[in-house]
Amino acid sequence: MRNHVIVSFGPDREYTFDLDEVQPMPHELARQWLDEQFTTLGCEPLRLTGKVLTADKALAIAQAVGAERFAEPAHRAWAMVYARALASLLAKPIVKVDVPAQTVGY
């Protein structure tokens, strides 16, 4: 089964992470990692209610770090952990995080 996470910052800046041959991240570890990144990066809840969904965290983190974090080889390990965490938490074969459109699709 295909397993990919795509992070898009526009048509010319789309980054695909192929997770077919990568060990799945345990669900609880993925949740903790995403929560930690959200807090460390100073991300704010997108909803007025303050409720933060996994998709909201994915968008906020990608927006906070910017396209360079996904594009540069020096940050490849971090980007793969991000992709593994999303794949684990969302449990979908293909996840697309579209930062400009503020959407997460499956």
C-alpha atoms as a PDB file:
ATOM      1  CA  MET A   1       0.000   0.000   0.000  1.00  0.00           C
ATOM      2  CA  ARG A   2       1.264   3.472  -0.856  1.00  0.00           C
ATOM      3  CA  ASN A   3       1.962   5.749   2.068  1.00  0.00           C
ATOM      4  CA  HIS A   4       2.885   9.355   1.307  1.00  0.00           C
ATOM      5  CA  VAL A   5       2.748  12.728   3.002  1.00  0.00           C
ATOM      6  CA  ILE A   6       2.780  15.746   0.717  1.00  0.00           C
ATOM      7  CA  VAL A   7       3.447  19.232   2.080  1.00  0.00           C
ATOM      8  CA  SER A   8       2.584  22.029  -0.327  1.00  0.00           C
ATOM      9  CA  PHE A   9       3.549  25.679  -0.131  1.00  0.00           C
ATOM     10  CA  GLY A  10       2.293  26.337  -3.674  1.00  0.00           C
ATOM     11  CA  PRO A  11       2.514  24.730  -7.109  1.00  0.00           C
ATOM     12  CA  ASP A  12       6.303  25.088  -7.359  1.00  0.00           C
ATOM     13  CA  ARG A  13       7.010  24.112  -3.754  1.00  0.00           C
ATOM     14  CA  GLU A  14       5.502  20.717  -3.078  1.00  0.00           C
ATOM     15  CA  TYR A  15       7.443  18.163  -1.034  1.00  0.00           C
ATOM     16  CA  THR A  16       6.572  14.460  -1.020  1.00  0.00           C
ATOM     17  CA  PHE A  17       7.703  12.060   1.683  1.00  0.00           C
ATOM     18  CA  ASP A  18       7.489   8.397   0.709  1.00  0.00           C
ATOM     19  CA  LEU A  19       6.906   6.304   3.816  1.00  0.00           C
ATOM     20  CA  ASP A  20       6.515   2.907   2.121  1.00  0.00           C
ATOM     21  CA  GLU A  21       9.822   1.583   3.459  1.00  0.00           C
ATOM     22  CA  VAL A  22       9.790   3.505   6.766  1.00  0.00           C
ATOM     23  CA  GLN A  23       8.909   2.028  10.145  1.00  0.00           C
ATOM     24  CA  PRO A  24       5.520   3.366  11.315  1.00  0.00           C
ATOM     25  CA  MET A  25       5.620   5.717  14.297  1.00  0.00           C
ATOM     26  CA  PRO A  26       3.649   4.537  17.335  1.00  0.00           C
ATOM     27  CA  HIS A  27       0.438   6.558  17.720  1.00  0.00           C
ATOM     28  CA  GLU A  28       1.206   7.918  21.210  1.00  0.00           C
ATOM     29  CA  LEU A  29       4.749   8.933  20.247  1.00  0.00           C
ATOM     30  CA  ALA A  30       3.379  10.691  17.147  1.00  0.00           C
ATOM     31  CA  ARG A  31       0.852  12.621  19.240  1.00  0.00           C
ATOM     32  CA  GLN A  32       3.522  13.646  21.746  1.00  0.00           C
ATOM     33  CA  TRP A  33       5.930  14.753  19.018  1.00  0.00           C
ATOM     34  CA  LEU A  34       3.294  16.839  17.247  1.00  0.00           C
ATOM     35  CA  ASP A  35       2.179  18.426  20.546  1.00  0.00           C
ATOM     36  CA  GLU A  36       5.790  19.239  21.438  1.00  0.00           C
ATOM     37  CA  GLN A  37       6.479  20.832  18.048  1.00  0.00           C
ATOM     38  CA  PHE A  38       3.261  22.856  18.232  1.00  0.00           C
ATOM     39  CA  THR A  39       4.276  24.254  21.625  1.00  0.00           C
ATOM     40  CA  THR A  40       7.991  24.727  20.892  1.00  0.00           C
ATOM     41  CA  LEU A  41       7.262  26.634  17.689  1.00  0.00           C
ATOM     42  CA  GLY A  42       4.795  28.919  19.480  1.00  0.00           C
ATOM     43  CA  CYS A  43       1.878  27.893  17.285  1.00  0.00           C
ATOM     44  CA  GLU A  44      -1.555  29.292  18.064  1.00  0.00           C
ATOM     45  CA  PRO A  45      -4.903  27.474  17.812  1.00  0.00           C
ATOM     46  CA  LEU A  46      -6.638  28.192  14.500  1.00  0.00           C
ATOM     47  CA  ARG A  47     -10.128  27.984  15.999  1.00  0.00           C
ATOM     48  CA  LEU A  48     -11.668  30.563  18.308  1.00  0.00           C
ATOM     49  CA  THR A  49     -12.802  27.771  20.634  1.00  0.00           C
ATOM     50  CA  GLY A  50      -9.177  26.918  21.363  1.00  0.00           C
ATOM     51  CA  LYS A  51      -9.706  23.311  20.307  1.00  0.00           C
ATOM     52  CA  VAL A  52      -6.735  22.072  18.304  1.00  0.00           C
ATOM     53  CA  LEU A  53      -7.287  19.195  15.877  1.00  0.00           C
ATOM     54  CA  THR A  54      -4.451  17.101  14.473  1.00  0.00           C
ATOM     55  CA  ALA A  55      -4.985  18.708  11.063  1.00  0.00           C
ATOM     56  CA  ASP A  56      -4.746  22.160  12.678  1.00  0.00           C
ATOM     57  CA  LYS A  57      -1.439  21.199  14.310  1.00  0.00           C
ATOM     58  CA  ALA A  58      -0.115  19.867  11.002  1.00  0.00           C
ATOM     59  CA  LEU A  59      -0.939  23.142   9.259  1.00  0.00           C
ATOM     60  CA  ALA A  60       0.333  25.386  12.046  1.00  0.00           C
ATOM     61  CA  ILE A  61       3.644  23.527  12.323  1.00  0.00           C
ATOM     62  CA  ALA A  62       4.240  23.532   8.555  1.00  0.00           C
ATOM     63  CA  GLN A  63       3.424  27.232   8.402  1.00  0.00           C
ATOM     64  CA  ALA A  64       5.702  28.012  11.365  1.00  0.00           C
ATOM     65  CA  VAL A  65       8.760  26.237   9.955  1.00  0.00           C
ATOM     66  CA  GLY A  66       8.229  27.260   6.317  1.00  0.00           C
ATOM     67  CA  ALA A  67       9.041  25.550   3.055  1.00  0.00           C
ATOM     68  CA  GLU A  68      12.781  25.556   3.676  1.00  0.00           C
ATOM     69  CA  ARG A  69      12.440  23.052   6.529  1.00  0.00           C
ATOM     70  CA  PHE A  70      10.897  20.582   4.076  1.00  0.00           C
ATOM     71  CA  ALA A  71      13.144  21.419   1.110  1.00  0.00           C
ATOM     72  CA  GLU A  72      16.634  21.524   2.598  1.00  0.00           C
ATOM     73  CA  PRO A  73      18.602  18.274   2.965  1.00  0.00           C
ATOM     74  CA  ALA A  74      19.912  19.457   6.361  1.00  0.00           C
ATOM     75  CA  HIS A  75      16.360  19.243   7.727  1.00  0.00           C
ATOM     76  CA  ARG A  76      15.359  16.006   6.003  1.00  0.00           C
ATOM     77  CA  ALA A  77      15.350  13.994   9.254  1.00  0.00           C
ATOM     78  CA  TRP A  78      12.970  16.476  10.930  1.00  0.00           C
ATOM     79  CA  ALA A  79      10.680  16.512   7.875  1.00  0.00           C
ATOM     80  CA  MET A  80      10.541  12.697   7.847  1.00  0.00           C
ATOM     81  CA  VAL A  81       9.545  12.627  11.519  1.00  0.00           C
ATOM     82  CA  TYR A  82       6.813  15.187  10.741  1.00  0.00           C
ATOM     83  CA  ALA A  83       5.573  12.998   7.881  1.00  0.00           C
ATOM     84  CA  ARG A  84       5.699   9.813   9.990  1.00  0.00           C
ATOM     85  CA  ALA A  85       3.792  11.491  12.828  1.00  0.00           C
ATOM     86  CA  LEU A  86       1.040  12.691  10.474  1.00  0.00           C
ATOM     87  CA  ALA A  87       0.758   9.342   8.741  1.00  0.00           C
ATOM     88  CA  SER A  88       0.424   7.601  12.109  1.00  0.00           C
ATOM     89  CA  LEU A  89      -2.137   9.995  13.570  1.00  0.00           C
ATOM     90  CA  LEU A  90      -4.296  10.394  10.476  1.00  0.00           C
ATOM     91  CA  ALA A  91      -4.006   6.742   9.381  1.00  0.00           C
ATOM     92  CA  LYS A  92      -4.509   7.512   5.691  1.00  0.00           C
ATOM     93  CA  PRO A  93      -2.336   6.225   2.822  1.00  0.00           C
ATOM     94  CA  ILE A  94      -1.925   9.706   1.328  1.00  0.00           C
ATOM     95  CA  VAL A  95      -2.025  12.931   3.328  1.00  0.00           C
ATOM     96  CA  LYS A  96      -1.648  16.348   1.707  1.00  0.00           C
ATOM     97  CA  VAL A  97      -0.969  19.430   3.819  1.00  0.00           C
ATOM     98  CA  ASP A  98      -1.706  22.508   1.699  1.00  0.00           C
ATOM     99  CA  VAL A  99      -0.382  25.480   3.656  1.00  0.00           C
ATOM    100  CA  PRO A 100      -1.632  28.337   1.418  1.00  0.00           C
ATOM    101  CA  ALA A 101      -5.142  26.817   1.230  1.00  0.00           C
ATOM    102  CA  GLN A 102      -5.060  25.930   4.958  1.00  0.00           C
ATOM    103  CA  THR A 103      -6.312  22.396   4.264  1.00  0.00           C
ATOM    104  CA  VAL A 104      -5.303  18.841   5.064  1.00  0.00           C
ATOM    105  CA  GLY A 105      -6.650  16.284   2.611  1.00  0.00           C
ATOM    106  CA  TYR A 106      -6.582  12.500   2.451  1.00  0.00           C
END
